[in-house]
Amino acid sequence: MTYWLFKSEPDEYSIRDLAAESGRTGRWDGIRNYQARNFLRDSVGVGDGVLFYHSACKVPAVVGTAEVVRGAYPDPAQFDPKSGYFDPKASGDKPRWYCVDIRWQSEFPRPVPLAEIKQNPDLAEMLLVKQGRLSIQPVTAQEWKTILRLGNAIM
């Protein structure tokens, strides 16, 4: 199994928004960074675990988990001129942006704040600490377990 951290601004799409979706499943779209896009398109797969991270808020934190239930497919927003994620250079023959579907698994009893992650020696090599702005990033199995433990998640 592969693990990932997906970032979202909670006022745009939160862990609770995902939990409220039909079937607790939602599309993870709107990614407009090439490195994050490449992870989605080339590496994220069905069954992978996702740490759901709230960013650009008062207390950025990992707040829960999800599972990838549909692998990469062209992000429909890139083709919609009314969307904030519209890309005039994208076409059906040559999509530029991709998305995946994820299903809610849990909301942590205790969110794991970024400040705590940065102070934990077991997480010192985590991409979140080293390359904080990337919205989709791989997580090692050990980092996954550490974050679950810190969030008081049932394992």
N, C-alpha and C. Protein backbone atom coordinates (compact mmCIF):
# COMPACT_ATOMS: atom_id res chain seq x y z
N MET A 1 0.84 -1.19 0.00
CA MET A 1 0.00 0.00 0.00
C MET A 1 0.88 1.24 0.00
N THR A 2 0.43 2.25 -0.72
CA THR A 2 1.14 3.53 -0.77
C THR A 2 0.33 4.55 0.00
N TYR A 3 1.02 5.52 0.59
CA TYR A 3 0.36 6.54 1.40
C TYR A 3 0.67 7.92 0.86
N TRP A 4 -0.29 8.82 1.04
CA TRP A 4 -0.19 10.18 0.52
C TRP A 4 -0.72 11.17 1.54
N LEU A 5 -0.30 12.41 1.39
CA LEU A 5 -0.91 13.53 2.11
C LEU A 5 -1.52 14.44 1.05
N PHE A 6 -2.81 14.73 1.19
CA PHE A 6 -3.53 15.64 0.29
C PHE A 6 -3.91 16.86 1.11
N LYS A 7 -3.59 18.04 0.57
CA LYS A 7 -3.91 19.29 1.25
C LYS A 7 -5.16 19.94 0.67
N SER A 8 -5.95 20.52 1.56
CA SER A 8 -7.12 21.28 1.14
C SER A 8 -7.37 22.40 2.14
N GLU A 9 -7.79 23.53 1.62
CA GLU A 9 -8.19 24.62 2.51
C GLU A 9 -9.58 24.27 3.03
N PRO A 10 -9.75 24.22 4.35
CA PRO A 10 -11.03 23.75 4.90
C PRO A 10 -12.23 24.61 4.53
N ASP A 11 -12.03 25.88 4.20
CA ASP A 11 -13.17 26.70 3.78
C ASP A 11 -13.56 26.39 2.33
N GLU A 12 -12.68 25.69 1.59
CA GLU A 12 -12.99 25.24 0.23
C GLU A 12 -13.55 23.81 0.23
N TYR A 13 -12.87 22.91 0.94
CA TYR A 13 -13.28 21.51 1.00
C TYR A 13 -12.60 20.89 2.21
N SER A 14 -13.39 20.52 3.21
CA SER A 14 -12.86 20.00 4.47
C SER A 14 -13.11 18.50 4.59
N ILE A 15 -12.53 17.91 5.61
CA ILE A 15 -12.76 16.50 5.90
C ILE A 15 -14.24 16.25 6.14
N ARG A 16 -14.92 17.20 6.74
CA ARG A 16 -16.36 17.06 7.00
C ARG A 16 -17.17 17.18 5.72
N ASP A 17 -16.68 18.00 4.78
CA ASP A 17 -17.35 18.07 3.47
C ASP A 17 -17.27 16.71 2.78
N LEU A 18 -16.10 16.08 2.84
CA LEU A 18 -15.95 14.76 2.25
C LEU A 18 -16.89 13.77 2.93
N ALA A 19 -16.96 13.80 4.24
CA ALA A 19 -17.83 12.88 4.98
C ALA A 19 -19.30 13.08 4.63
N ALA A 20 -19.67 14.31 4.23
CA ALA A 20 -21.07 14.62 3.91
C ALA A 20 -21.44 14.26 2.46
N GLU A 21 -20.44 13.95 1.63
CA GLU A 21 -20.70 13.59 0.23
C GLU A 21 -21.48 12.28 0.16
N SER A 22 -22.23 12.11 -0.91
CA SER A 22 -22.93 10.85 -1.15
C SER A 22 -21.92 9.71 -1.17
N GLY A 23 -22.17 8.70 -0.36
CA GLY A 23 -21.23 7.58 -0.28
C GLY A 23 -19.92 7.96 0.38
N ARG A 24 -19.88 9.15 0.96
CA ARG A 24 -18.65 9.67 1.59
C ARG A 24 -17.49 9.67 0.60
N THR A 25 -17.82 9.85 -0.67
CA THR A 25 -16.82 9.81 -1.74
C THR A 25 -16.86 11.11 -2.52
N GLY A 26 -15.69 11.69 -2.77
CA GLY A 26 -15.62 12.94 -3.51
C GLY A 26 -14.46 12.95 -4.48
N ARG A 27 -14.55 13.88 -5.43
CA ARG A 27 -13.50 14.06 -6.42
C ARG A 27 -12.45 15.00 -5.85
N TRP A 28 -11.18 14.58 -5.95
CA TRP A 28 -10.07 15.45 -5.54
C TRP A 28 -9.56 16.11 -6.81
N ASP A 29 -10.02 17.33 -7.04
CA ASP A 29 -9.72 18.01 -8.30
C ASP A 29 -9.12 19.39 -8.04
N GLY A 30 -8.88 20.12 -9.10
CA GLY A 30 -8.36 21.47 -8.98
C GLY A 30 -6.86 21.55 -8.76
N ILE A 31 -6.16 20.45 -8.89
CA ILE A 31 -4.70 20.45 -8.71
C ILE A 31 -4.08 21.13 -9.94
N ARG A 32 -3.32 22.19 -9.69
CA ARG A 32 -2.71 22.94 -10.79
C ARG A 32 -1.22 23.17 -10.56
N ASN A 33 -0.58 22.18 -9.99
CA ASN A 33 0.87 22.16 -9.81
C ASN A 33 1.37 20.92 -10.53
N TYR A 34 2.38 21.07 -11.37
CA TYR A 34 2.82 19.95 -12.21
C TYR A 34 3.36 18.77 -11.41
N GLN A 35 4.10 19.03 -10.34
CA GLN A 35 4.64 17.92 -9.55
C GLN A 35 3.50 17.16 -8.87
N ALA A 36 2.53 17.89 -8.30
CA ALA A 36 1.37 17.25 -7.67
C ALA A 36 0.55 16.50 -8.72
N ARG A 37 0.38 17.11 -9.89
CA ARG A 37 -0.34 16.46 -10.99
C ARG A 37 0.32 15.15 -11.39
N ASN A 38 1.64 15.17 -11.47
CA ASN A 38 2.37 13.97 -11.85
C ASN A 38 2.19 12.85 -10.82
N PHE A 39 2.18 13.20 -9.54
CA PHE A 39 1.91 12.20 -8.51
C PHE A 39 0.52 11.61 -8.72
N LEU A 40 -0.49 12.48 -8.93
CA LEU A 40 -1.86 11.99 -9.14
C LEU A 40 -1.94 11.09 -10.37
N ARG A 41 -1.38 11.56 -11.45
CA ARG A 41 -1.49 10.86 -12.73
C ARG A 41 -0.69 9.56 -12.76
N ASP A 42 0.52 9.58 -12.20
CA ASP A 42 1.45 8.47 -12.40
C ASP A 42 1.61 7.53 -11.21
N SER A 43 1.26 7.97 -10.01
CA SER A 43 1.61 7.18 -8.83
C SER A 43 0.45 6.86 -7.89
N VAL A 44 -0.49 7.77 -7.72
CA VAL A 44 -1.61 7.53 -6.80
C VAL A 44 -2.50 6.44 -7.40
N GLY A 45 -2.84 5.43 -6.60
CA GLY A 45 -3.64 4.33 -7.11
C GLY A 45 -4.78 3.94 -6.19
N VAL A 46 -5.71 3.18 -6.72
CA VAL A 46 -6.85 2.69 -5.96
C VAL A 46 -6.34 1.89 -4.76
N GLY A 47 -6.92 2.17 -3.61
CA GLY A 47 -6.53 1.50 -2.37
C GLY A 47 -5.49 2.24 -1.56
N ASP A 48 -4.87 3.25 -2.15
CA ASP A 48 -3.87 4.02 -1.41
C ASP A 48 -4.51 4.79 -0.27
N GLY A 49 -3.75 4.95 0.81
CA GLY A 49 -4.20 5.72 1.96
C GLY A 49 -3.88 7.20 1.80
N VAL A 50 -4.77 8.04 2.33
CA VAL A 50 -4.61 9.49 2.23
C VAL A 50 -4.73 10.12 3.62
N LEU A 51 -3.72 10.90 3.98
CA LEU A 51 -3.84 11.78 5.15
C LEU A 51 -4.47 13.06 4.64
N PHE A 52 -5.58 13.47 5.22
CA PHE A 52 -6.31 14.66 4.82
C PHE A 52 -5.79 15.82 5.67
N TYR A 53 -5.22 16.82 5.00
CA TYR A 53 -4.55 17.93 5.68
C TYR A 53 -5.29 19.23 5.39
N HIS A 54 -5.64 19.94 6.46
CA HIS A 54 -6.24 21.27 6.31
C HIS A 54 -5.12 22.31 6.28
N SER A 55 -5.05 23.07 5.18
CA SER A 55 -4.00 24.09 5.02
C SER A 55 -4.63 25.48 4.95
N ALA A 56 -3.76 26.49 4.97
CA ALA A 56 -4.19 27.89 4.84
C ALA A 56 -5.32 28.21 5.81
N CYS A 57 -5.14 27.80 7.05
CA CYS A 57 -6.13 28.07 8.09
C CYS A 57 -5.38 28.43 9.37
N LYS A 58 -6.13 28.75 10.43
CA LYS A 58 -5.50 29.20 11.67
C LYS A 58 -4.51 28.17 12.21
N VAL A 59 -4.91 26.90 12.22
CA VAL A 59 -4.03 25.84 12.69
C VAL A 59 -3.97 24.73 11.63
N PRO A 60 -3.01 24.83 10.69
CA PRO A 60 -2.87 23.77 9.69
C PRO A 60 -2.60 22.44 10.40
N ALA A 61 -3.30 21.38 9.94
CA ALA A 61 -3.17 20.10 10.63
C ALA A 61 -3.66 18.95 9.77
N VAL A 62 -3.14 17.76 10.06
CA VAL A 62 -3.71 16.53 9.51
C VAL A 62 -4.94 16.24 10.37
N VAL A 63 -6.08 16.06 9.71
CA VAL A 63 -7.34 15.96 10.44
C VAL A 63 -8.06 14.63 10.26
N GLY A 64 -7.57 13.77 9.36
CA GLY A 64 -8.24 12.49 9.16
C GLY A 64 -7.63 11.71 8.02
N THR A 65 -8.34 10.65 7.63
CA THR A 65 -7.86 9.77 6.57
C THR A 65 -8.95 9.51 5.54
N ALA A 66 -8.48 9.13 4.37
CA ALA A 66 -9.36 8.74 3.26
C ALA A 66 -8.64 7.64 2.49
N GLU A 67 -9.37 7.06 1.54
CA GLU A 67 -8.81 6.02 0.67
C GLU A 67 -9.11 6.38 -0.77
N VAL A 68 -8.14 6.17 -1.64
CA VAL A 68 -8.36 6.41 -3.07
C VAL A 68 -9.24 5.28 -3.60
N VAL A 69 -10.36 5.65 -4.24
CA VAL A 69 -11.29 4.65 -4.76
C VAL A 69 -11.42 4.69 -6.28
N ARG A 70 -10.85 5.69 -6.91
CA ARG A 70 -10.78 5.75 -8.37
C ARG A 70 -9.48 6.42 -8.75
N GLY A 71 -8.73 5.76 -9.61
CA GLY A 71 -7.44 6.28 -10.04
C GLY A 71 -7.58 7.49 -10.93
N ALA A 72 -6.46 8.00 -11.36
CA ALA A 72 -6.39 9.26 -12.11
C ALA A 72 -7.23 9.24 -13.38
N TYR A 73 -7.94 10.36 -13.59
CA TYR A 73 -8.70 10.61 -14.81
C TYR A 73 -8.67 12.11 -15.06
N PRO A 74 -8.91 12.54 -16.30
CA PRO A 74 -8.83 13.97 -16.59
C PRO A 74 -9.80 14.78 -15.72
N ASP A 75 -9.28 15.84 -15.15
CA ASP A 75 -10.09 16.74 -14.31
C ASP A 75 -11.08 17.48 -15.20
N PRO A 76 -12.38 17.25 -15.03
CA PRO A 76 -13.37 17.90 -15.90
C PRO A 76 -13.38 19.42 -15.81
N ALA A 77 -12.92 19.97 -14.69
CA ALA A 77 -12.93 21.43 -14.51
C ALA A 77 -12.04 22.13 -15.53
N GLN A 78 -11.01 21.46 -16.01
CA GLN A 78 -10.09 22.10 -16.97
C GLN A 78 -10.78 22.42 -18.29
N PHE A 79 -11.90 21.75 -18.58
CA PHE A 79 -12.61 21.94 -19.85
C PHE A 79 -13.79 22.89 -19.73
N ASP A 80 -14.11 23.33 -18.51
CA ASP A 80 -15.29 24.14 -18.25
C ASP A 80 -14.91 25.62 -18.15
N PRO A 81 -15.27 26.43 -19.15
CA PRO A 81 -14.91 27.86 -19.13
C PRO A 81 -15.47 28.62 -17.92
N LYS A 82 -16.49 28.08 -17.27
CA LYS A 82 -17.08 28.75 -16.10
C LYS A 82 -16.36 28.38 -14.80
N SER A 83 -15.45 27.42 -14.88
CA SER A 83 -14.73 26.96 -13.69
C SER A 83 -13.51 27.83 -13.42
N GLY A 84 -13.21 28.02 -12.16
CA GLY A 84 -11.98 28.69 -11.77
C GLY A 84 -10.75 27.88 -12.12
N TYR A 85 -10.95 26.62 -12.46
CA TYR A 85 -9.85 25.73 -12.82
C TYR A 85 -9.79 25.46 -14.33
N PHE A 86 -10.50 26.25 -15.10
CA PHE A 86 -10.49 26.13 -16.56
C PHE A 86 -9.08 26.36 -17.09
N ASP A 87 -8.69 25.55 -18.07
CA ASP A 87 -7.39 25.71 -18.72
C ASP A 87 -7.60 25.70 -20.23
N PRO A 88 -7.48 26.85 -20.88
CA PRO A 88 -7.74 26.91 -22.33
C PRO A 88 -6.75 26.07 -23.15
N LYS A 89 -5.62 25.69 -22.57
CA LYS A 89 -4.64 24.88 -23.30
C LYS A 89 -4.96 23.39 -23.22
N ALA A 90 -5.90 23.01 -22.38
CA ALA A 90 -6.26 21.60 -22.23
C ALA A 90 -7.30 21.22 -23.28
N SER A 91 -7.23 19.98 -23.74
CA SER A 91 -8.24 19.47 -24.68
C SER A 91 -8.57 18.04 -24.31
N GLY A 92 -9.66 17.54 -24.82
CA GLY A 92 -10.04 16.17 -24.57
C GLY A 92 -8.98 15.19 -25.03
N ASP A 93 -8.31 15.52 -26.14
CA ASP A 93 -7.23 14.67 -26.66
C ASP A 93 -5.96 14.77 -25.84
N LYS A 94 -5.74 15.96 -25.26
CA LYS A 94 -4.53 16.19 -24.48
C LYS A 94 -4.86 16.91 -23.18
N PRO A 95 -5.45 16.17 -22.22
CA PRO A 95 -5.72 16.81 -20.93
C PRO A 95 -4.41 17.16 -20.23
N ARG A 96 -4.45 18.24 -19.48
CA ARG A 96 -3.25 18.66 -18.75
C ARG A 96 -3.34 18.33 -17.27
N TRP A 97 -4.55 18.21 -16.75
CA TRP A 97 -4.75 18.08 -15.31
C TRP A 97 -5.58 16.84 -15.00
N TYR A 98 -5.30 16.25 -13.84
CA TYR A 98 -5.95 15.01 -13.44
C TYR A 98 -6.50 15.12 -12.03
N CYS A 99 -7.41 14.21 -11.75
CA CYS A 99 -8.01 14.14 -10.42
C CYS A 99 -8.18 12.67 -10.06
N VAL A 100 -8.52 12.41 -8.81
CA VAL A 100 -8.84 11.07 -8.33
C VAL A 100 -10.08 11.19 -7.45
N ASP A 101 -10.71 10.08 -7.17
CA ASP A 101 -11.82 10.06 -6.21
C ASP A 101 -11.32 9.42 -4.93
N ILE A 102 -11.74 10.00 -3.80
CA ILE A 102 -11.37 9.47 -2.50
C ILE A 102 -12.62 9.25 -1.66
N ARG A 103 -12.51 8.31 -0.73
CA ARG A 103 -13.62 8.03 0.20
C ARG A 103 -13.15 8.29 1.62
N TRP A 104 -13.98 9.00 2.36
CA TRP A 104 -13.73 9.29 3.76
C TRP A 104 -13.54 8.00 4.53
N GLN A 105 -12.56 7.98 5.43
CA GLN A 105 -12.36 6.85 6.33
C GLN A 105 -12.52 7.26 7.78
N SER A 106 -11.90 8.39 8.15
CA SER A 106 -11.98 8.79 9.56
C SER A 106 -11.65 10.27 9.72
N GLU A 107 -12.18 10.82 10.78
CA GLU A 107 -11.74 12.14 11.26
C GLU A 107 -11.05 11.87 12.58
N PHE A 108 -9.85 12.42 12.74
CA PHE A 108 -9.08 12.16 13.94
C PHE A 108 -9.77 12.74 15.18
N PRO A 109 -9.73 12.02 16.29
CA PRO A 109 -10.21 12.59 17.55
C PRO A 109 -9.40 13.82 17.94
N ARG A 110 -8.14 13.83 17.48
CA ARG A 110 -7.22 14.92 17.80
C ARG A 110 -6.46 15.29 16.54
N PRO A 111 -6.73 16.48 15.95
CA PRO A 111 -5.95 16.91 14.79
C PRO A 111 -4.46 16.97 15.13
N VAL A 112 -3.62 16.72 14.12
CA VAL A 112 -2.17 16.76 14.32
C VAL A 112 -1.64 18.01 13.64
N PRO A 113 -1.36 19.06 14.44
CA PRO A 113 -0.94 20.34 13.87
C PRO A 113 0.44 20.29 13.23
N LEU A 114 0.62 21.13 12.22
CA LEU A 114 1.91 21.23 11.54
C LEU A 114 3.04 21.52 12.51
N ALA A 115 2.81 22.40 13.48
CA ALA A 115 3.86 22.74 14.45
C ALA A 115 4.34 21.49 15.19
N GLU A 116 3.42 20.61 15.54
CA GLU A 116 3.79 19.37 16.23
C GLU A 116 4.54 18.42 15.29
N ILE A 117 4.11 18.36 14.05
CA ILE A 117 4.78 17.52 13.06
C ILE A 117 6.22 17.97 12.89
N LYS A 118 6.43 19.27 12.81
CA LYS A 118 7.78 19.82 12.63
C LYS A 118 8.68 19.54 13.83
N GLN A 119 8.11 19.39 15.01
CA GLN A 119 8.90 19.15 16.22
C GLN A 119 9.17 17.68 16.48
N ASN A 120 8.49 16.79 15.76
CA ASN A 120 8.61 15.36 16.02
C ASN A 120 9.79 14.79 15.22
N PRO A 121 10.80 14.26 15.90
CA PRO A 121 11.97 13.73 15.19
C PRO A 121 11.63 12.58 14.24
N ASP A 122 10.57 11.83 14.52
CA ASP A 122 10.17 10.73 13.64
C ASP A 122 9.60 11.24 12.32
N LEU A 123 9.28 12.52 12.24
CA LEU A 123 8.69 13.11 11.04
C LEU A 123 9.60 14.15 10.39
N ALA A 124 10.85 14.20 10.82
CA ALA A 124 11.79 15.22 10.34
C ALA A 124 12.04 15.14 8.83
N GLU A 125 11.92 13.96 8.23
CA GLU A 125 12.16 13.80 6.80
C GLU A 125 10.88 13.88 5.96
N MET A 126 9.77 14.10 6.61
CA MET A 126 8.49 14.16 5.90
C MET A 126 8.49 15.32 4.90
N LEU A 127 7.98 15.09 3.70
CA LEU A 127 7.94 16.15 2.69
C LEU A 127 7.17 17.37 3.17
N LEU A 128 6.18 17.16 4.00
CA LEU A 128 5.41 18.28 4.54
C LEU A 128 6.33 19.26 5.28
N VAL A 129 7.35 18.74 5.90
CA VAL A 129 8.32 19.57 6.63
C VAL A 129 9.34 20.17 5.66
N LYS A 130 9.76 19.40 4.67
CA LYS A 130 10.82 19.83 3.76
C LYS A 130 10.33 20.61 2.55
N GLN A 131 9.14 20.29 2.06
CA GLN A 131 8.60 20.92 0.86
C GLN A 131 7.12 21.22 1.11
N GLY A 132 6.90 22.12 2.04
CA GLY A 132 5.58 22.36 2.59
C GLY A 132 4.49 22.79 1.63
N ARG A 133 4.81 23.40 0.52
CA ARG A 133 3.78 23.96 -0.35
C ARG A 133 3.15 22.94 -1.30
N LEU A 134 3.73 21.77 -1.44
CA LEU A 134 3.23 20.78 -2.38
C LEU A 134 1.91 20.18 -1.88
N SER A 135 0.87 20.22 -2.72
CA SER A 135 -0.48 19.84 -2.28
C SER A 135 -0.76 18.34 -2.29
N ILE A 136 0.01 17.58 -3.04
CA ILE A 136 -0.07 16.11 -3.04
C ILE A 136 1.35 15.62 -2.81
N GLN A 137 1.55 14.81 -1.78
CA GLN A 137 2.90 14.36 -1.50
C GLN A 137 2.90 12.96 -0.90
N PRO A 138 3.92 12.17 -1.25
CA PRO A 138 4.01 10.83 -0.69
C PRO A 138 4.34 10.87 0.80
N VAL A 139 3.90 9.83 1.49
CA VAL A 139 4.13 9.66 2.92
C VAL A 139 4.64 8.23 3.11
N THR A 140 5.65 8.05 3.92
CA THR A 140 6.15 6.70 4.17
C THR A 140 5.20 5.96 5.11
N ALA A 141 5.32 4.64 5.14
CA ALA A 141 4.49 3.83 6.04
C ALA A 141 4.75 4.23 7.49
N GLN A 142 6.00 4.51 7.84
CA GLN A 142 6.31 4.91 9.21
C GLN A 142 5.71 6.28 9.55
N GLU A 143 5.78 7.22 8.60
CA GLU A 143 5.16 8.53 8.83
C GLU A 143 3.65 8.39 9.00
N TRP A 144 3.03 7.54 8.16
CA TRP A 144 1.60 7.27 8.26
C TRP A 144 1.24 6.79 9.67
N LYS A 145 1.97 5.78 10.16
CA LYS A 145 1.71 5.22 11.48
C LYS A 145 1.90 6.26 12.58
N THR A 146 2.94 7.06 12.45
CA THR A 146 3.21 8.09 13.46
C THR A 146 2.09 9.11 13.50
N ILE A 147 1.64 9.57 12.34
CA ILE A 147 0.55 10.56 12.30
C ILE A 147 -0.74 9.95 12.88
N LEU A 148 -1.04 8.70 12.53
CA LEU A 148 -2.24 8.06 13.09
C LEU A 148 -2.15 7.99 14.61
N ARG A 149 -0.98 7.62 15.12
CA ARG A 149 -0.80 7.55 16.57
C ARG A 149 -1.00 8.92 17.21
N LEU A 150 -0.39 9.95 16.63
CA LEU A 150 -0.52 11.30 17.18
C LEU A 150 -1.96 11.81 17.13
N GLY A 151 -2.72 11.39 16.14
CA GLY A 151 -4.11 11.80 16.00
C GLY A 151 -5.08 10.96 16.81
N ASN A 152 -4.53 10.02 17.58
CA ASN A 152 -5.35 9.10 18.39
C ASN A 152 -6.32 8.30 17.51
N ALA A 153 -5.88 8.01 16.29
CA ALA A 153 -6.73 7.26 15.35
C ALA A 153 -6.70 5.79 15.72
N ILE A 154 -7.78 5.12 15.47
CA ILE A 154 -7.85 3.68 15.68
C ILE A 154 -7.12 3.01 14.54
N MET A 155 -6.16 2.16 14.86
CA MET A 155 -5.37 1.50 13.82
C MET A 155 -5.76 0.05 13.68
